[in-house]
Amino acid sequence: MSAVAEVLSTVSHNAHPRGSDLPTCPVCADSMVAAEASAYLADNIVSYLWTCDTCGYGFVTKHSLKRLVCN
C-alpha cells in the first residue's frame, strides 16, 4: 500500500487553537480530531501527521509554537 503525504503550513490566529481550527481532509472534507503522530523539529516547530479515517489520505502540518515567559 502506498502512501501520499502533503505538507500544509498552518498559522493559528486563535490563542487556544486546540479547540478550534482542526483540519479537514483536503480530499473528502471529513473532519479530523487527533493527529496520528507528532514530532518536535527545531526552533519551536512541531510537525503533525494526519491520516483521514474515511478515505485514507495523509498529510503533514507544521506549527510554530510561541515561547511562554514566566515572571
Protein backbone atom coordinates (compact mmCIF):
# COMPACT_ATOMS: atom_id res chain seq x y z
CA MET A 1 0.00 0.00 0.00
CA SER A 2 1.47 3.32 -1.00
CA ALA A 3 1.06 6.49 1.00
CA VAL A 4 0.80 10.06 -0.21
CA ALA A 5 1.71 12.93 2.07
CA GLU A 6 1.42 16.65 1.61
CA VAL A 7 2.89 19.35 3.85
CA LEU A 8 0.39 22.04 4.76
CA SER A 9 1.62 25.07 6.68
CA THR A 10 -0.79 26.48 9.22
CA VAL A 11 -0.81 29.67 11.22
CA SER A 12 -3.02 29.80 14.28
CA HIS A 13 -4.90 33.06 14.72
CA ASN A 14 -6.56 31.84 17.90
CA ALA A 15 -4.82 31.98 21.28
CA HIS A 16 -6.15 28.47 22.03
CA PRO A 17 -6.09 26.54 18.73
CA ARG A 18 -6.70 23.16 20.35
CA GLY A 19 -10.46 23.52 20.49
CA SER A 20 -10.82 25.03 17.05
CA ASP A 21 -9.17 25.17 13.66
CA LEU A 22 -8.89 21.39 13.43
CA PRO A 23 -8.03 20.28 9.92
CA THR A 24 -10.38 18.71 7.44
CA CYS A 25 -9.32 16.23 4.81
CA PRO A 26 -8.45 18.03 1.55
CA VAL A 27 -9.80 15.06 -0.42
CA CYS A 28 -13.14 14.15 1.21
CA ALA A 29 -13.65 17.11 3.62
CA ASP A 30 -14.13 14.84 6.65
CA SER A 31 -13.16 16.49 9.94
CA MET A 32 -10.19 15.21 11.91
CA VAL A 33 -9.95 15.15 15.69
CA ALA A 34 -6.45 13.94 16.55
CA ALA A 35 -3.14 13.65 14.75
CA GLU A 36 -1.71 10.19 14.22
CA ALA A 37 1.77 11.32 15.28
CA SER A 38 3.69 14.45 16.18
CA ALA A 39 7.35 15.46 16.24
CA TYR A 40 9.25 18.42 17.65
CA LEU A 41 11.50 19.54 14.82
CA ALA A 42 13.53 22.55 15.95
CA ASP A 43 13.18 26.23 16.77
CA ASN A 44 9.74 25.69 18.33
CA ILE A 45 8.31 23.96 15.26
CA VAL A 46 6.02 20.94 15.74
CA SER A 47 5.00 18.67 12.87
CA TYR A 48 1.78 16.64 12.94
CA LEU A 49 0.89 13.62 10.78
CA TRP A 50 -2.80 13.38 9.92
CA THR A 51 -4.50 10.41 8.26
CA CYS A 52 -8.14 10.53 7.22
CA ASP A 53 -10.21 7.67 8.66
CA THR A 54 -12.70 7.98 5.80
CA CYS A 55 -10.52 7.97 2.67
CA GLY A 56 -7.01 7.20 3.98
CA TYR A 57 -5.38 10.38 2.65
CA GLY A 58 -2.40 11.51 4.71
CA PHE A 59 -0.83 14.91 5.16
CA VAL A 60 1.54 16.78 7.47
CA THR A 61 1.01 20.14 9.14
CA LYS A 62 3.68 22.27 10.79
CA HIS A 63 3.01 24.70 13.59
CA SER A 64 5.19 27.37 15.15
CA LEU A 65 4.96 27.49 18.95
CA LYS A 66 5.27 30.66 20.97
CA ARG A 67 7.56 30.63 23.97
CA LEU A 68 5.89 31.35 27.27
CA VAL A 69 7.78 33.58 29.64
CA CYS A 70 7.02 33.32 33.35
CA ASN A 71 7.61 36.25 35.65
